[in-house]
């Protein structure tokens, strides 16, 4: 399933927005007084950030590949 360059750029923009919101959420969770109560939410947010960062890298690679063609 090949997507055009415009679709890939928009997908990256959307994921970047989600990443920004997740990072802000993570900051908020880390700032809580009883951080241990939020351990599972912190772990989930960190894992989602890692997964989305991988997705962004793959999108960037594909965008560069299509842009060079």
PDB file of N, CA and C in Angstrom:
ATOM      1  N   UNK A   1       0.845  -1.169   0.000  1.00  0.00           N
ATOM      2  CA  UNK A   1       0.000   0.000   0.000  1.00  0.00           C
ATOM      3  C   UNK A   1       0.897   1.240   0.000  1.00  0.00           C
ATOM      4  N   UNK A   2       1.043   1.848  -1.109  1.00  0.00           N
ATOM      5  CA  UNK A   2       1.909   3.016  -1.262  1.00  0.00           C
ATOM      6  C   UNK A   2       1.070   4.283  -1.072  1.00  0.00           C
ATOM      7  N   UNK A   3       1.543   5.130  -0.194  1.00  0.00           N
ATOM      8  CA  UNK A   3       0.875   6.407   0.059  1.00  0.00           C
ATOM      9  C   UNK A   3       1.644   7.512  -0.636  1.00  0.00           C
ATOM     10  N   UNK A   4       0.932   8.559  -1.037  1.00  0.00           N
ATOM     11  CA  UNK A   4       1.650   9.649  -1.673  1.00  0.00           C
ATOM     12  C   UNK A   4       2.312  10.543  -0.626  1.00  0.00           C
ATOM     13  N   UNK A   5       3.212  11.363  -1.088  1.00  0.00           N
ATOM     14  CA  UNK A   5       4.034  12.201  -0.221  1.00  0.00           C
ATOM     15  C   UNK A   5       3.187  13.091   0.683  1.00  0.00           C
ATOM     16  N   UNK A   6       2.125  13.635   0.143  1.00  0.00           N
ATOM     17  CA  UNK A   6       1.235  14.513   0.905  1.00  0.00           C
ATOM     18  C   UNK A   6       0.630  13.771   2.103  1.00  0.00           C
ATOM     19  N   UNK A   7       0.196  12.538   1.885  1.00  0.00           N
ATOM     20  CA  UNK A   7      -0.391  11.733   2.966  1.00  0.00           C
ATOM     21  C   UNK A   7       0.639  11.420   4.052  1.00  0.00           C
ATOM     22  N   UNK A   8       1.868  11.113   3.627  1.00  0.00           N
ATOM     23  CA  UNK A   8       2.921  10.802   4.592  1.00  0.00           C
ATOM     24  C   UNK A   8       3.273  12.020   5.446  1.00  0.00           C
ATOM     25  N   UNK A   9       3.351  13.175   4.819  1.00  0.00           N
ATOM     26  CA  UNK A   9       3.665  14.405   5.551  1.00  0.00           C
ATOM     27  C   UNK A   9       2.565  14.729   6.553  1.00  0.00           C
ATOM     28  N   UNK A  10       1.322  14.549   6.147  1.00  0.00           N
ATOM     29  CA  UNK A  10       0.195  14.812   7.064  1.00  0.00           C
ATOM     30  C   UNK A  10       0.186  13.814   8.214  1.00  0.00           C
ATOM     31  N   UNK A  11       0.481  12.559   7.931  1.00  0.00           N
ATOM     32  CA  UNK A  11       0.535  11.544   8.987  1.00  0.00           C
ATOM     33  C   UNK A  11       1.620  11.899  10.001  1.00  0.00           C
ATOM     34  N   UNK A  12       2.766  12.341   9.519  1.00  0.00           N
ATOM     35  CA  UNK A  12       3.855  12.734  10.411  1.00  0.00           C
ATOM     36  C   UNK A  12       3.443  13.929  11.260  1.00  0.00           C
ATOM     37  N   UNK A  13       2.774  14.885  10.644  1.00  0.00           N
ATOM     38  CA  UNK A  13       2.315  16.070  11.381  1.00  0.00           C
ATOM     39  C   UNK A  13       1.360  15.672  12.502  1.00  0.00           C
ATOM     40  N   UNK A  14       0.466  14.758  12.221  1.00  0.00           N
ATOM     41  CA  UNK A  14      -0.494  14.301  13.228  1.00  0.00           C
ATOM     42  C   UNK A  14       0.204  13.556  14.359  1.00  0.00           C
ATOM     43  N   UNK A  15       1.148  12.699  14.019  1.00  0.00           N
ATOM     44  CA  UNK A  15       1.875  11.948  15.048  1.00  0.00           C
ATOM     45  C   UNK A  15       2.724  12.885  15.888  1.00  0.00           C
ATOM     46  N   UNK A  16       3.337  13.890  15.261  1.00  0.00           N
ATOM     47  CA  UNK A  16       4.107  14.877  16.019  1.00  0.00           C
ATOM     48  C   UNK A  16       3.219  15.588  17.041  1.00  0.00           C
ATOM     49  N   UNK A  17       1.987  15.881  16.662  1.00  0.00           N
ATOM     50  CA  UNK A  17       1.044  16.521  17.574  1.00  0.00           C
ATOM     51  C   UNK A  17       0.702  15.607  18.752  1.00  0.00           C
ATOM     52  N   UNK A  18       0.457  14.351  18.462  1.00  0.00           N
ATOM     53  CA  UNK A  18       0.168  13.374  19.521  1.00  0.00           C
ATOM     54  C   UNK A  18       1.365  13.234  20.459  1.00  0.00           C
ATOM     55  N   UNK A  19       2.567  13.183  19.879  1.00  0.00           N
ATOM     56  CA  UNK A  19       3.779  13.079  20.688  1.00  0.00           C
ATOM     57  C   UNK A  19       3.924  14.280  21.623  1.00  0.00           C
ATOM     58  N   UNK A  20       3.652  15.461  21.113  1.00  0.00           N
ATOM     59  CA  UNK A  20       3.745  16.660  21.942  1.00  0.00           C
ATOM     60  C   UNK A  20       2.794  16.550  23.140  1.00  0.00           C
ATOM     61  N   UNK A  21       1.571  16.140  22.883  1.00  0.00           N
ATOM     62  CA  UNK A  21       0.577  16.012  23.958  1.00  0.00           C
ATOM     63  C   UNK A  21       0.980  14.929  24.960  1.00  0.00           C
ATOM     64  N   UNK A  22       1.495  13.820  24.464  1.00  0.00           N
ATOM     65  CA  UNK A  22       1.936  12.744  25.354  1.00  0.00           C
ATOM     66  C   UNK A  22       3.110  13.180  26.229  1.00  0.00           C
ATOM     67  N   UNK A  23       4.039  13.916  25.638  1.00  0.00           N
ATOM     68  CA  UNK A  23       5.184  14.403  26.426  1.00  0.00           C
ATOM     69  C   UNK A  23       4.737  15.370  27.513  1.00  0.00           C
ATOM     70  N   UNK A  24       3.770  16.213  27.204  1.00  0.00           N
ATOM     71  CA  UNK A  24       3.230  17.133  28.212  1.00  0.00           C
ATOM     72  C   UNK A  24       2.514  16.355  29.319  1.00  0.00           C
ATOM     73  N   UNK A  25       1.781  15.330  28.941  1.00  0.00           N
ATOM     74  CA  UNK A  25       1.119  14.474  29.924  1.00  0.00           C
ATOM     75  C   UNK A  25       2.139  13.801  30.824  1.00  0.00           C
ATOM     76  N   UNK A  26       3.213  13.326  30.226  1.00  0.00           N
ATOM     77  CA  UNK A  26       4.270  12.669  30.992  1.00  0.00           C
ATOM     78  C   UNK A  26       4.905  13.635  31.995  1.00  0.00           C
ATOM     79  N   UNK A  27       5.143  14.873  31.575  1.00  0.00           N
ATOM     80  CA  UNK A  27       5.673  15.885  32.497  1.00  0.00           C
ATOM     81  C   UNK A  27       4.732  16.079  33.679  1.00  0.00           C
ATOM     82  N   UNK A  28       3.454  16.148  33.387  1.00  0.00           N
ATOM     83  CA  UNK A  28       2.447  16.329  34.436  1.00  0.00           C
ATOM     84  C   UNK A  28       2.457  15.153  35.399  1.00  0.00           C
ATOM     85  N   UNK A  29       2.518  13.948  34.868  1.00  0.00           N
ATOM     86  CA  UNK A  29       2.530  12.758  35.719  1.00  0.00           C
ATOM     87  C   UNK A  29       3.781  12.705  36.591  1.00  0.00           C
ATOM     88  N   UNK A  30       4.921  13.085  36.023  1.00  0.00           N
ATOM     89  CA  UNK A  30       6.166  13.092  36.799  1.00  0.00           C
ATOM     90  C   UNK A  30       6.140  14.158  37.895  1.00  0.00           C
ATOM     91  N   UNK A  31       5.345  15.194  37.711  1.00  0.00           N
ATOM     92  CA  UNK A  31       5.293  16.286  38.679  1.00  0.00           C
ATOM     93  C   UNK A  31       4.340  15.998  39.844  1.00  0.00           C
ATOM     94  N   UNK A  32       3.573  14.945  39.738  1.00  0.00           N
ATOM     95  CA  UNK A  32       2.628  14.607  40.811  1.00  0.00           C
ATOM     96  C   UNK A  32       3.377  14.295  42.100  1.00  0.00           C
ATOM     97  N   UNK A  33       2.745  14.620  43.225  1.00  0.00           N
ATOM     98  CA  UNK A  33       3.372  14.377  44.524  1.00  0.00           C
ATOM     99  C   UNK A  33       3.574  12.894  44.800  1.00  0.00           C
ATOM    100  N   UNK A  34       2.572  12.099  44.570  1.00  0.00           N
ATOM    101  CA  UNK A  34       2.671  10.656  44.810  1.00  0.00           C
ATOM    102  C   UNK A  34       2.873   9.949  43.476  1.00  0.00           C
ATOM    103  N   UNK A  35       4.078  10.141  42.926  1.00  0.00           N
ATOM    104  CA  UNK A  35       4.389   9.625  41.592  1.00  0.00           C
ATOM    105  C   UNK A  35       4.194   8.115  41.490  1.00  0.00           C
ATOM    106  N   UNK A  36       4.406   7.380  42.575  1.00  0.00           N
ATOM    107  CA  UNK A  36       4.254   5.921  42.539  1.00  0.00           C
ATOM    108  C   UNK A  36       2.832   5.497  42.185  1.00  0.00           C
ATOM    109  N   UNK A  37       1.860   6.322  42.541  1.00  0.00           N
ATOM    110  CA  UNK A  37       0.468   5.993  42.209  1.00  0.00           C
ATOM    111  C   UNK A  37       0.217   6.019  40.710  1.00  0.00           C
ATOM    112  N   UNK A  38       1.081   6.711  39.978  1.00  0.00           N
ATOM    113  CA  UNK A  38       0.892   6.892  38.539  1.00  0.00           C
ATOM    114  C   UNK A  38       1.898   6.096  37.714  1.00  0.00           C
ATOM    115  N   UNK A  39       2.541   5.131  38.358  1.00  0.00           N
ATOM    116  CA  UNK A  39       3.603   4.372  37.696  1.00  0.00           C
ATOM    117  C   UNK A  39       3.124   3.700  36.407  1.00  0.00           C
ATOM    118  N   UNK A  40       1.961   3.082  36.434  1.00  0.00           N
ATOM    119  CA  UNK A  40       1.485   2.389  35.231  1.00  0.00           C
ATOM    120  C   UNK A  40       1.161   3.376  34.101  1.00  0.00           C
ATOM    121  N   UNK A  41       0.586   4.539  34.456  1.00  0.00           N
ATOM    122  CA  UNK A  41       0.285   5.541  33.436  1.00  0.00           C
ATOM    123  C   UNK A  41       1.572   6.118  32.853  1.00  0.00           C
ATOM    124  N   UNK A  42       2.589   6.299  33.710  1.00  0.00           N
ATOM    125  CA  UNK A  42       3.883   6.805  33.249  1.00  0.00           C
ATOM    126  C   UNK A  42       4.524   5.804  32.295  1.00  0.00           C
ATOM    127  N   UNK A  43       4.511   4.536  32.668  1.00  0.00           N
ATOM    128  CA  UNK A  43       5.081   3.495  31.814  1.00  0.00           C
ATOM    129  C   UNK A  43       4.351   3.430  30.478  1.00  0.00           C
ATOM    130  N   UNK A  44       3.040   3.488  30.502  1.00  0.00           N
ATOM    131  CA  UNK A  44       2.251   3.447  29.275  1.00  0.00           C
ATOM    132  C   UNK A  44       2.581   4.636  28.379  1.00  0.00           C
ATOM    133  N   UNK A  45       2.646   5.817  28.954  1.00  0.00           N
ATOM    134  CA  UNK A  45       2.963   7.014  28.168  1.00  0.00           C
ATOM    135  C   UNK A  45       4.365   6.904  27.566  1.00  0.00           C
ATOM    136  N   UNK A  46       5.333   6.421  28.352  1.00  0.00           N
ATOM    137  CA  UNK A  46       6.699   6.272  27.848  1.00  0.00           C
ATOM    138  C   UNK A  46       6.756   5.272  26.696  1.00  0.00           C
ATOM    139  N   UNK A  47       6.035   4.174  26.816  1.00  0.00           N
ATOM    140  CA  UNK A  47       6.025   3.161  25.747  1.00  0.00           C
ATOM    141  C   UNK A  47       5.341   3.686  24.488  1.00  0.00           C
ATOM    142  N   UNK A  48       4.284   4.456  24.673  1.00  0.00           N
ATOM    143  CA  UNK A  48       3.606   5.044  23.515  1.00  0.00           C
ATOM    144  C   UNK A  48       4.512   6.054  22.822  1.00  0.00           C
ATOM    145  N   UNK A  49       5.228   6.838  23.593  1.00  0.00           N
ATOM    146  CA  UNK A  49       6.160   7.807  23.021  1.00  0.00           C
ATOM    147  C   UNK A  49       7.221   7.077  22.210  1.00  0.00           C
ATOM    148  N   UNK A  50       7.776   6.006  22.762  1.00  0.00           N
ATOM    149  CA  UNK A  50       8.792   5.235  22.030  1.00  0.00           C
ATOM    150  C   UNK A  50       8.236   4.692  20.720  1.00  0.00           C
ATOM    151  N   UNK A  51       7.042   4.144  20.765  1.00  0.00           N
ATOM    152  CA  UNK A  51       6.427   3.577  19.562  1.00  0.00           C
ATOM    153  C   UNK A  51       6.174   4.657  18.512  1.00  0.00           C
ATOM    154  N   UNK A  52       5.678   5.799  18.946  1.00  0.00           N
ATOM    155  CA  UNK A  52       5.397   6.875  18.000  1.00  0.00           C
ATOM    156  C   UNK A  52       6.679   7.490  17.443  1.00  0.00           C
ATOM    157  N   UNK A  53       7.738   7.528  18.235  1.00  0.00           N
ATOM    158  CA  UNK A  53       9.019   8.019  17.727  1.00  0.00           C
ATOM    159  C   UNK A  53       9.546   7.104  16.625  1.00  0.00           C
ATOM    160  N   UNK A  54       9.340   5.799  16.778  1.00  0.00           N
ATOM    161  CA  UNK A  54       9.718   4.848  15.723  1.00  0.00           C
ATOM    162  C   UNK A  54       8.886   5.113  14.472  1.00  0.00           C
ATOM    163  N   UNK A  55       7.603   5.326  14.651  1.00  0.00           N
ATOM    164  CA  UNK A  55       6.723   5.606  13.509  1.00  0.00           C
ATOM    165  C   UNK A  55       7.151   6.875  12.780  1.00  0.00           C
ATOM    166  N   UNK A  56       7.523   7.905  13.532  1.00  0.00           N
ATOM    167  CA  UNK A  56       7.980   9.153  12.922  1.00  0.00           C
ATOM    168  C   UNK A  56       9.248   8.916  12.114  1.00  0.00           C
ATOM    169  N   UNK A  57      10.170   8.141  12.669  1.00  0.00           N
ATOM    170  CA  UNK A  57      11.419   7.864  11.951  1.00  0.00           C
ATOM    171  C   UNK A  57      11.142   7.113  10.650  1.00  0.00           C
ATOM    172  N   UNK A  58      10.256   6.142  10.706  1.00  0.00           N
ATOM    173  CA  UNK A  58       9.908   5.396   9.494  1.00  0.00           C
ATOM    174  C   UNK A  58       9.235   6.304   8.462  1.00  0.00           C
ATOM    175  N   UNK A  59       8.363   7.179   8.928  1.00  0.00           N
ATOM    176  CA  UNK A  59       7.721   8.128   8.014  1.00  0.00           C
ATOM    177  C   UNK A  59       8.748   9.072   7.393  1.00  0.00           C
ATOM    178  N   UNK A  60       9.661   9.583   8.209  1.00  0.00           N
ATOM    179  CA  UNK A  60      10.695  10.478   7.687  1.00  0.00           C
ATOM    180  C   UNK A  60      11.550   9.777   6.637  1.00  0.00           C
ATOM    181  N   UNK A  61      11.897   8.527   6.899  1.00  0.00           N
ATOM    182  CA  UNK A  61      12.678   7.753   5.924  1.00  0.00           C
ATOM    183  C   UNK A  61      11.919   7.622   4.606  1.00  0.00           C
ATOM    184  N   UNK A  62      10.637   7.308   4.695  1.00  0.00           N
ATOM    185  CA  UNK A  62       9.823   7.137   3.486  1.00  0.00           C
ATOM    186  C   UNK A  62       9.616   8.467   2.767  1.00  0.00           C
ATOM    187  N   UNK A  63       9.435   9.534   3.526  1.00  0.00           N
ATOM    188  CA  UNK A  63       9.272  10.858   2.914  1.00  0.00           C
ATOM    189  C   UNK A  63      10.543  11.226   2.137  1.00  0.00           C
ATOM    190  N   UNK A  64      11.701  11.009   2.742  1.00  0.00           N
ATOM    191  CA  UNK A  64      12.964  11.299   2.056  1.00  0.00           C
ATOM    192  C   UNK A  64      13.129  10.444   0.815  1.00  0.00           C
ATOM    193  N   UNK A  65      12.760   9.170   0.924  1.00  0.00           N
ATOM    194  CA  UNK A  65      12.883   8.256  -0.205  1.00  0.00           C
ATOM    195  C   UNK A  65      12.007   8.717  -1.363  1.00  0.00           C
ATOM    196  N   UNK A  66      10.761   9.104  -1.052  1.00  0.00           N
ATOM    197  CA  UNK A  66       9.845   9.553  -2.110  1.00  0.00           C
ATOM    198  C   UNK A  66      10.249  10.918  -2.650  1.00  0.00           C
ATOM    199  N   UNK A  67      10.768  11.760  -1.785  1.00  0.00           N
ATOM    200  CA  UNK A  67      11.166  13.106  -2.207  1.00  0.00           C
ATOM    201  C   UNK A  67      12.354  13.052  -3.167  1.00  0.00           C
ATOM    202  N   UNK A  68      13.244  12.069  -2.970  1.00  0.00           N
ATOM    203  CA  UNK A  68      14.426  11.923  -3.814  1.00  0.00           C
ATOM    204  C   UNK A  68      14.088  11.348  -5.188  1.00  0.00           C
ATOM    205  N   UNK A  69      12.965  10.674  -5.291  1.00  0.00           N
ATOM    206  CA  UNK A  69      12.605  10.033  -6.576  1.00  0.00           C
ATOM    207  C   UNK A  69      12.155  11.018  -7.621  1.00  0.00           C
TER     208      UNK A  69
END
